[in-house]
Protein backbone atom coordinates (compact mmCIF):
# COMPACT_ATOMS: atom_id res chain seq x y z
CA MET A 1 137.22 30.94 142.32
CA ARG A 2 135.91 34.16 143.79
CA TYR A 3 135.62 36.69 140.99
CA PHE A 4 135.79 40.45 141.13
CA VAL A 5 132.38 41.88 140.31
CA ILE A 6 130.71 44.77 138.57
CA ALA A 7 127.01 45.50 138.64
CA SER A 8 126.15 48.17 136.07
CA ILE A 9 126.81 51.79 135.27
CA LEU A 10 123.41 53.39 134.86
CA ALA A 11 122.72 56.61 133.01
CA SER A 12 120.14 58.64 134.93
CA ILE A 13 120.60 61.78 132.83
CA SER A 14 121.08 62.28 129.09
CA VAL A 15 123.93 60.15 127.74
CA ALA A 16 125.11 59.68 124.16
CA ARG A 17 124.56 56.20 122.81
CA ALA A 18 127.72 54.18 122.21
CA ASP A 19 128.11 51.80 119.27
CA ASP A 20 128.37 48.48 121.08
CA THR A 21 126.84 47.46 124.38
CA LYS A 22 127.80 43.79 124.34
CA PRO A 23 130.45 42.69 126.87
CA VAL A 24 133.73 41.35 125.45
CA ALA A 25 135.58 38.50 127.12
CA MET A 26 138.76 39.29 129.02
CA THR A 27 141.96 37.47 128.17
CA THR A 28 143.92 35.49 130.75
CA VAL A 29 147.59 36.52 130.65
CA LYS A 30 150.69 34.93 132.15
CA ASP A 31 152.46 38.05 133.37
CA LEU A 32 153.05 41.72 132.58
CA ALA A 33 155.49 40.84 129.79
CA ASP A 34 152.63 38.96 128.14
CA VAL A 35 150.41 42.03 128.60
CA CYS A 36 152.87 44.28 126.76
CA LYS A 37 153.49 41.74 124.02
CA ARG A 38 149.79 41.75 123.23
CA LEU A 39 149.39 45.53 123.45
CA VAL A 40 152.29 46.42 121.14
CA ALA A 41 151.30 43.84 118.52
CA ASP A 42 150.93 45.50 115.08
CA LEU A 43 152.29 48.82 116.36
CA ASP A 44 155.56 50.51 115.41
CA PRO A 45 158.61 48.26 116.05
CA LYS A 46 159.85 50.85 118.57
CA ALA A 47 156.53 50.96 120.42
CA THR A 48 156.66 51.34 124.21
CA CYS A 49 154.48 49.73 126.87
CA THR A 50 154.27 51.10 130.41
CA SER A 51 152.12 51.14 133.51
CA ALA A 52 150.00 54.29 133.83
CA GLY A 53 148.49 53.81 137.28
CA LYS A 54 147.44 51.23 139.86
CA LEU A 55 144.35 50.81 142.00
CA ALA A 56 143.50 48.54 144.90
CA VAL A 57 139.82 47.59 144.94
CA LYS A 58 137.90 46.28 147.91
CA GLY A 59 137.83 42.48 147.94
CA GLY A 60 141.51 41.88 147.21
CA VAL A 61 141.33 42.91 143.56
CA GLU A 62 144.14 44.91 141.95
CA ALA A 63 143.70 46.92 138.76
CA GLU A 64 146.41 48.55 136.66
CA THR A 65 146.30 50.70 133.55
CA TYR A 66 148.74 49.88 130.75
CA VAL A 67 149.44 52.08 127.73
CA ALA A 68 151.23 51.14 124.52
CA LYS A 69 152.48 53.92 122.22
CA GLY A 70 153.74 53.42 118.70
CA GLY A 71 151.92 55.36 115.99
CA MET A 72 148.67 54.45 117.70
CA VAL A 73 147.99 54.66 121.44
CA ARG A 74 146.39 51.67 123.18
CA TYR A 75 145.00 51.66 126.72
CA ALA A 76 143.95 48.54 128.57
CA VAL A 77 143.24 47.42 132.13
CA VAL A 78 144.95 44.49 133.82
CA VAL A 79 142.95 43.01 136.69
CA THR A 80 144.49 40.55 139.16
CA ALA A 81 142.17 38.47 141.31
CA ASN A 82 143.18 35.39 143.27
CA LYS A 83 146.60 35.48 141.58
CA VAL A 84 145.05 35.24 138.10
CA MET A 85 145.69 38.10 135.67
CA TYR A 86 143.09 39.26 133.14
CA LEU A 87 143.56 41.74 130.28
CA SER A 88 140.71 43.93 129.08
CA PRO A 89 140.00 44.71 125.43
CA PRO A 90 141.90 47.90 124.49
CA VAL A 91 140.81 51.41 123.69
CA GLU A 92 142.75 52.65 120.65
CA ILE A 93 143.45 56.33 119.93
CA MET A 94 145.02 57.77 116.78
CA PRO A 95 147.07 60.87 117.74
CA MET A 96 146.83 62.12 114.15
CA ASN A 97 144.63 60.80 111.34
CA CYS A 98 145.20 62.60 108.03
CA GLY A 99 144.01 62.44 104.45
CA MET A 100 143.43 64.87 101.55
CA SER A 101 145.18 67.75 103.41
CA LYS A 102 142.85 67.30 106.37
CA CYS A 103 143.67 65.90 109.82
CA ASP A 104 141.96 64.88 113.03
CA VAL A 105 144.46 65.67 115.80
CA LEU A 106 144.51 64.54 119.43
CA ASP A 107 145.24 67.58 121.59
CA ASP A 108 145.05 65.98 125.02
CA ASN A 109 143.86 62.90 126.84
CA LYS A 110 143.46 62.19 130.54
CA THR A 111 143.06 58.76 132.09
CA THR A 112 141.54 58.04 135.48
CA LEU A 113 141.55 54.56 137.00
CA ARG A 114 139.01 54.70 139.79
CA THR A 115 136.68 52.76 142.01
CA LEU A 116 132.94 52.93 141.50
CA THR A 117 130.52 51.72 144.15
CA ILE A 118 127.40 50.25 142.58
CA ASN A 119 124.81 48.41 144.67
CA ASN A 120 127.35 48.35 147.51
CA VAL A 121 129.91 46.60 145.28
CA SER A 122 133.30 48.23 144.60
CA ILE A 123 134.51 47.85 141.01
CA PRO A 124 137.43 49.29 138.96
CA ALA A 125 136.81 51.47 135.91
CA LEU A 126 139.13 53.28 133.51
CA VAL A 127 137.82 56.60 132.20
CA ILE A 128 139.63 58.20 129.23
CA ASP A 129 138.74 61.83 128.42
CA LYS A 130 140.00 63.08 125.05
CA LYS A 131 140.20 66.43 123.24
CA PHE A 132 140.55 66.66 119.46
CA HIS A 133 140.55 69.23 116.68
CA HIS A 134 140.10 69.00 112.91
CA GLU A 135 142.47 71.01 110.74
CA VAL A 136 142.62 71.77 107.03
CA THR A 137 145.71 72.89 105.12
CA ASN A 138 144.91 76.13 103.32
CA GLU A 139 146.31 77.49 100.05
CA LYS A 140 149.23 79.06 101.91
CA GLY A 141 150.24 75.73 103.43
CA LYS A 142 149.05 76.67 106.90
CA GLN A 143 146.64 74.68 109.07
CA ASP A 144 143.24 76.13 109.85
CA THR A 145 141.28 74.61 112.73
CA THR A 146 137.68 74.05 111.65
CA GLU A 147 136.28 72.04 114.56
CA LYS A 148 137.03 70.99 118.14
CA TRP A 149 135.41 68.22 120.15
CA THR A 150 135.68 66.05 123.24
CA SER A 151 134.91 62.36 123.74
CA THR A 152 135.10 59.83 126.54
CA SER A 153 135.86 56.11 126.65
CA VAL A 154 135.16 53.81 129.61
CA ILE A 155 136.44 50.28 130.24
CA ALA A 156 134.38 48.46 132.88
CA CYS A 157 135.12 44.81 133.65
CA SER A 158 133.49 41.95 135.54
CA GLY A 159 134.57 38.58 136.77
CA SER A 160 131.01 37.46 137.40
CA ALA A 161 129.67 38.10 133.89
CA LYS A 162 127.86 35.28 132.17
CA GLY A 163 130.41 33.12 130.38
CA GLY A 164 133.32 34.35 132.50
CA PRO A 165 135.32 37.58 132.99
CA ALA A 166 134.25 40.26 130.51
CA CYS A 167 134.37 44.01 129.91
CA SER A 168 132.17 46.65 128.40
CA VAL A 169 134.23 49.12 126.37
CA ARG A 170 132.13 52.18 125.61
CA GLU A 171 132.62 55.43 123.72
CA TRP A 172 130.71 58.71 123.84
CA GLY A 173 131.26 61.61 121.47
CA GLY A 174 133.25 62.14 118.31
CA ARG A 175 133.71 64.51 115.42
CA GLY A 176 130.41 66.28 114.81
CA ASN A 177 129.14 65.15 118.21
CA SER A 178 131.27 66.72 120.93
CA CYS A 179 130.35 65.15 124.25
CA LYS A 180 131.32 66.02 127.81
CA VAL A 181 130.84 63.07 130.14
CA THR A 182 131.09 62.75 133.91
CA VAL A 183 131.10 59.34 135.58
CA LYS A 184 129.83 59.75 139.13
CA PRO A 185 131.15 57.69 142.09
CA ASP A 186 127.91 55.69 142.19
CA GLY A 187 128.24 54.79 138.51
CA ASN A 188 125.73 57.28 137.15
CA VAL A 189 126.87 58.83 133.88
CA LEU A 190 126.04 62.49 133.28
CA SER A 191 126.39 63.98 129.82
CA ASN A 192 125.43 66.91 127.63
CA CYS A 193 124.73 64.51 124.74
CA ASP A 194 121.31 63.34 123.63
CA ALA A 195 119.71 59.90 124.01
CA THR A 196 119.80 57.68 127.10
CA ASP A 197 122.21 54.80 127.63
CA TYR A 198 123.92 52.72 130.28
CA ILE A 199 126.94 50.46 130.71
CA ALA A 200 126.36 47.00 132.08
CA VAL A 201 128.38 43.81 132.36
CA GLU A 202 126.18 40.98 133.57
């Protein structure tokens, strides 16, 4: 079988270090109904699952973003190559996470399913840019915003990874570490965060 391929996403300028750099195996799925069944698992019974964008990648590969919403929001990428469908590990986002009269609140998120060209190889990547704020309920019962931050998630998948199709799911930024990330067309990752890092699926 001819697999879709990804080389690596290299950070040439300062990039915040993500928690896990190890690729995670993709899951073979039967059809799009199977995709949604997996994505809504453990979510609200009324959770929805929809397509959020498609992309044709050089080499006959098709990529599609799917999003499940039901209390939590889950994004994943479905890649079809040679009539076989693969599902990436998801990125999960809590729209509101509260406790002790304090909340982390998602203000906005933007997803971009795009082609990167690395070492002359075209690969699909999902970039998720998020904006949050932290609020505290004051003595008058009103919410005071005490912090704002941005973070970025990237799902990058490979059919030629060792052991079979796999993805790197990476995260930059978070509360106390606001991070603005730009993924360049050649795969370079530019950031205002400290440390140096890279994404690679090999």
